[in-house]
Amino acid sequence: MSKIFANLNPELFRYALDVSLRDNDIKRRLRRETAELPEGGMQITPEQGQFMAFLIALMGARQVLEIGTFTGYSTLCMAEALPEDGRIIACDCSEEWTSIGRRYWREAGIADKIDLRIGDARTSLDRLLQNGMGEAFDLIFIDADKGGYDTYYEKGLLLLRRGGLIMVDNALWGGRVADDSVQDEDTQSIRNLNKKIRDDERVEASLILVGDGLYLARKKE
């Protein structure tokens, strides 16, 4: 087993955020409003949003696909990192949740970069493929219903350019993936995809211990 170099206790975690997190009022207010929802725990952490934005800037990404938008915090973080001609196609099934994000996107001045598509994500992805968008995206973020993860990953690989990046959220699933007594469908779906990515010769992969676990899969060139 690899050596664990840092004991990430609450004090050390707060220190890490203090010396690294760049935040703003719009992001803070969106997080607070989302946290008040019964489903507020679905929101990604601010350090994860910043890391994802960092990757977009590092790659020079211009075309991003988001599968699962919720209240739009991840969308906001990624859109801010895109160049002026960059675009995100954001797929979600909820008009109610995404309407919260729309307000903050407009306030942040990045709404024109976001093409929100409401409906079943599988249908949205199929339409993108039918419309000639195969290998058109630089980066894809998957954070939707866990039972659909394998489908989103496979369709995502078809939509992703060579050298592009898929980011899969909730790879650690609150620790449930490591608990053999937990055998529900969502947990099993995440476990199966984690192992699939590990063994997938189509990609280079790394599981990042940020947020609830972010699995990165880079499509080989």
Protein backbone atom coordinates (compact mmCIF):
# COMPACT_ATOMS: atom_id res chain seq x y z
CA MET A 1 0.00 0.00 0.00
CA SER A 2 1.22 3.51 -0.81
CA LYS A 3 2.38 5.61 2.10
CA ILE A 4 -0.07 8.27 3.30
CA PHE A 5 2.06 11.39 3.57
CA ALA A 6 -0.39 13.83 5.16
CA ASN A 7 -2.92 13.39 7.93
CA LEU A 8 -5.64 15.61 6.48
CA ASN A 9 -7.33 16.63 9.71
CA PRO A 10 -9.82 19.54 9.74
CA GLU A 11 -7.14 22.06 10.72
CA LEU A 12 -4.85 21.05 7.86
CA PHE A 13 -7.77 21.03 5.42
CA ARG A 14 -8.78 24.56 6.45
CA TYR A 15 -5.15 25.65 6.03
CA ALA A 16 -5.01 24.15 2.54
CA LEU A 17 -8.12 26.07 1.52
CA ASP A 18 -6.84 29.26 3.13
CA VAL A 19 -3.63 29.28 1.11
CA SER A 20 -5.10 28.07 -2.19
CA LEU A 21 -8.79 28.86 -2.70
CA ARG A 22 -9.63 31.86 -4.85
CA ASP A 23 -13.28 32.67 -4.35
CA ASN A 24 -15.72 35.43 -5.18
CA ASP A 25 -19.06 36.70 -3.92
CA ILE A 26 -21.13 35.22 -6.74
CA LYS A 27 -19.77 31.73 -6.16
CA ARG A 28 -20.24 32.02 -2.39
CA ARG A 29 -23.86 33.13 -2.74
CA LEU A 30 -24.67 30.34 -5.20
CA ARG A 31 -23.16 27.77 -2.82
CA ARG A 32 -25.15 29.17 0.12
CA GLU A 33 -28.43 29.12 -1.79
CA THR A 34 -27.80 25.59 -3.02
CA ALA A 35 -26.87 24.39 0.48
CA GLU A 36 -30.37 25.35 1.65
CA LEU A 37 -31.96 22.82 -0.74
CA PRO A 38 -32.79 19.30 0.52
CA GLU A 39 -30.48 18.05 -2.24
CA GLY A 40 -27.75 20.58 -1.42
CA GLY A 41 -25.19 17.87 -0.72
CA MET A 42 -25.03 17.18 -4.47
CA GLN A 43 -23.09 20.41 -5.00
CA ILE A 44 -19.37 20.07 -5.71
CA THR A 45 -16.90 21.68 -3.32
CA PRO A 46 -15.27 25.03 -4.12
CA GLU A 47 -11.79 23.52 -4.28
CA GLN A 48 -13.05 20.99 -6.83
CA GLY A 49 -14.61 23.74 -8.92
CA GLN A 50 -11.35 25.65 -8.86
CA PHE A 51 -9.38 22.54 -9.84
CA MET A 52 -11.70 21.85 -12.77
CA ALA A 53 -11.36 25.45 -13.95
CA PHE A 54 -7.58 25.09 -13.66
CA LEU A 55 -7.65 22.03 -15.92
CA ILE A 56 -9.75 23.86 -18.52
CA ALA A 57 -7.28 26.74 -18.62
CA LEU A 58 -4.31 24.37 -18.66
CA MET A 59 -5.73 22.46 -21.64
CA GLY A 60 -6.85 25.53 -23.50
CA ALA A 61 -10.28 23.92 -23.74
CA ARG A 62 -12.96 25.63 -25.80
CA GLN A 63 -15.73 23.05 -26.08
CA VAL A 64 -17.00 21.53 -22.81
CA LEU A 65 -19.84 19.10 -22.18
CA GLU A 66 -21.43 18.85 -18.73
CA ILE A 67 -23.67 15.88 -17.92
CA GLY A 68 -25.52 16.87 -14.76
CA THR A 69 -25.71 20.59 -13.96
CA PHE A 70 -27.80 20.79 -10.76
CA THR A 71 -27.80 24.47 -9.67
CA GLY A 72 -24.95 25.40 -11.95
CA TYR A 73 -21.98 25.90 -9.64
CA SER A 74 -19.68 23.60 -11.62
CA THR A 75 -20.95 25.24 -14.81
CA LEU A 76 -20.10 28.67 -13.45
CA CYS A 77 -16.59 27.63 -12.44
CA MET A 78 -15.86 26.08 -15.83
CA ALA A 79 -17.42 28.86 -17.89
CA GLU A 80 -15.32 31.48 -16.12
CA ALA A 81 -12.19 29.58 -17.18
CA LEU A 82 -13.16 29.38 -20.84
CA PRO A 83 -12.01 31.93 -23.42
CA GLU A 84 -14.56 34.33 -24.90
CA ASP A 85 -15.31 31.95 -27.76
CA GLY A 86 -15.58 28.94 -25.43
CA ARG A 87 -18.88 27.15 -24.92
CA ILE A 88 -20.42 24.65 -22.48
CA ILE A 89 -23.29 22.39 -23.43
CA ALA A 90 -24.90 21.66 -20.05
CA CYS A 91 -27.34 18.75 -19.78
CA ASP A 92 -29.80 18.37 -16.90
CA CYS A 93 -33.32 17.07 -16.32
CA SER A 94 -34.46 19.82 -13.92
CA GLU A 95 -35.71 23.23 -14.96
CA GLU A 96 -36.18 24.10 -11.28
CA TRP A 97 -32.58 23.47 -10.21
CA THR A 98 -30.97 24.98 -13.30
CA SER A 99 -33.12 28.12 -13.03
CA ILE A 100 -31.09 28.94 -9.89
CA GLY A 101 -27.87 28.67 -11.85
CA ARG A 102 -29.18 30.83 -14.68
CA ARG A 103 -29.49 33.82 -12.34
CA TYR A 104 -25.89 33.56 -11.22
CA TRP A 105 -24.60 32.90 -14.73
CA ARG A 106 -26.20 36.12 -15.92
CA GLU A 107 -24.83 38.05 -12.95
CA ALA A 108 -21.33 36.68 -13.62
CA GLY A 109 -21.55 37.68 -17.27
CA ILE A 110 -20.92 34.19 -18.62
CA ALA A 111 -24.47 33.09 -19.57
CA ASP A 112 -23.68 33.47 -23.29
CA LYS A 113 -21.08 30.70 -22.97
CA ILE A 114 -23.65 28.17 -21.69
CA ASP A 115 -26.06 26.17 -23.85
CA LEU A 116 -28.42 24.55 -21.33
CA ARG A 117 -30.35 21.52 -22.56
CA ILE A 118 -33.17 20.23 -20.37
CA GLY A 119 -34.21 16.60 -20.73
CA ASP A 120 -32.86 13.08 -20.46
CA ALA A 121 -29.09 13.27 -20.83
CA ARG A 122 -28.94 10.06 -22.85
CA THR A 123 -31.21 11.61 -25.46
CA SER A 124 -29.18 14.83 -25.47
CA LEU A 125 -25.94 12.89 -25.99
CA ASP A 126 -27.47 10.82 -28.80
CA ARG A 127 -28.58 14.01 -30.54
CA LEU A 128 -25.09 15.47 -30.29
CA LEU A 129 -23.69 12.33 -31.94
CA GLN A 130 -26.39 12.39 -34.62
CA ASN A 131 -25.57 16.05 -35.31
CA GLY A 132 -21.94 15.28 -36.09
CA MET A 133 -20.44 16.25 -32.74
CA GLY A 134 -18.34 13.11 -32.41
CA GLU A 135 -14.85 13.93 -31.07
CA ALA A 136 -15.86 17.61 -30.85
CA PHE A 137 -15.37 18.21 -27.12
CA ASP A 138 -12.16 19.03 -25.29
CA LEU A 139 -13.49 18.18 -21.83
CA ILE A 140 -16.51 16.36 -20.41
CA PHE A 141 -17.73 16.48 -16.80
CA ILE A 142 -20.00 13.65 -15.63
CA ASP A 143 -22.04 14.29 -12.47
CA ALA A 144 -25.53 12.94 -13.08
CA ASP A 145 -27.56 9.91 -11.99
CA LYS A 146 -25.10 7.26 -10.89
CA GLY A 147 -26.93 4.38 -12.55
CA GLY A 148 -26.24 6.02 -15.90
CA TYR A 149 -22.52 6.52 -15.37
CA ASP A 150 -21.35 3.75 -17.68
CA THR A 151 -23.59 5.00 -20.49
CA TYR A 152 -22.40 8.58 -20.03
CA TYR A 153 -18.79 7.45 -20.02
CA GLU A 154 -19.13 5.43 -23.21
CA LYS A 155 -21.04 8.12 -25.08
CA GLY A 156 -18.63 10.68 -23.66
CA LEU A 157 -15.68 8.87 -25.19
CA LEU A 158 -17.39 9.08 -28.57
CA LEU A 159 -17.95 12.81 -28.15
CA LEU A 160 -14.47 13.54 -26.76
CA ARG A 161 -11.57 14.48 -29.02
CA ARG A 162 -8.34 12.52 -28.85
CA GLY A 163 -6.25 13.97 -26.06
CA GLY A 164 -9.40 15.31 -24.39
CA LEU A 165 -10.39 14.75 -20.77
CA ILE A 166 -13.36 13.14 -19.04
CA MET A 167 -13.91 14.05 -15.37
CA VAL A 168 -16.17 11.69 -13.40
CA ASP A 169 -17.47 13.04 -10.09
CA ASN A 170 -18.29 11.09 -6.90
CA ALA A 171 -15.74 8.36 -7.59
CA LEU A 172 -15.39 7.84 -3.82
CA TRP A 173 -19.15 8.14 -3.13
CA GLY A 174 -18.74 9.24 0.46
CA GLY A 175 -16.63 6.16 1.18
CA ARG A 176 -19.42 3.72 0.30
CA VAL A 177 -17.44 2.28 -2.63
CA ALA A 178 -14.91 0.88 -0.13
CA ASP A 179 -17.56 -0.67 2.14
CA ASP A 180 -18.42 -4.19 1.00
CA SER A 181 -21.60 -4.16 3.04
CA VAL A 182 -23.03 -1.46 0.73
CA GLN A 183 -24.49 -3.12 -2.36
CA ASP A 184 -27.10 -0.68 -3.71
CA GLU A 185 -27.33 -0.03 -7.45
CA ASP A 186 -25.73 3.43 -7.43
CA THR A 187 -22.73 2.31 -5.39
CA GLN A 188 -22.24 -0.73 -7.58
CA SER A 189 -22.44 1.44 -10.69
CA ILE A 190 -19.68 3.72 -9.42
CA ARG A 191 -17.53 0.77 -8.32
CA ASN A 192 -17.89 -0.83 -11.74
CA LEU A 193 -16.97 2.35 -13.59
CA ASN A 194 -13.98 3.00 -11.33
CA LYS A 195 -12.60 -0.45 -12.18
CA LYS A 196 -13.49 -0.03 -15.83
CA ILE A 197 -11.56 3.23 -16.11
CA ARG A 198 -8.59 1.70 -14.30
CA ASP A 199 -8.42 -1.09 -16.88
CA ASP A 200 -9.53 0.88 -19.95
CA GLU A 201 -6.74 0.87 -22.56
CA ARG A 202 -8.48 3.69 -24.44
CA VAL A 203 -7.54 6.21 -21.74
CA GLU A 204 -4.85 7.34 -19.33
CA ALA A 205 -6.35 7.69 -15.89
CA SER A 206 -5.87 9.12 -12.41
CA LEU A 207 -8.26 9.28 -9.46
CA ILE A 208 -7.85 12.64 -7.70
CA LEU A 209 -8.69 12.90 -3.99
CA VAL A 210 -10.56 16.18 -4.25
CA GLY A 211 -14.18 16.67 -3.21
CA ASP A 212 -15.91 13.28 -3.30
CA GLY A 213 -13.28 11.83 -5.63
CA LEU A 214 -12.74 13.00 -9.21
CA TYR A 215 -11.70 10.36 -11.73
CA LEU A 216 -9.77 11.81 -14.67
CA ALA A 217 -9.63 9.85 -17.92
CA ARG A 218 -7.63 11.27 -20.84
CA LYS A 219 -8.52 9.80 -24.22
CA LYS A 220 -5.38 8.48 -25.88
CA GLU A 221 -4.22 10.14 -29.09
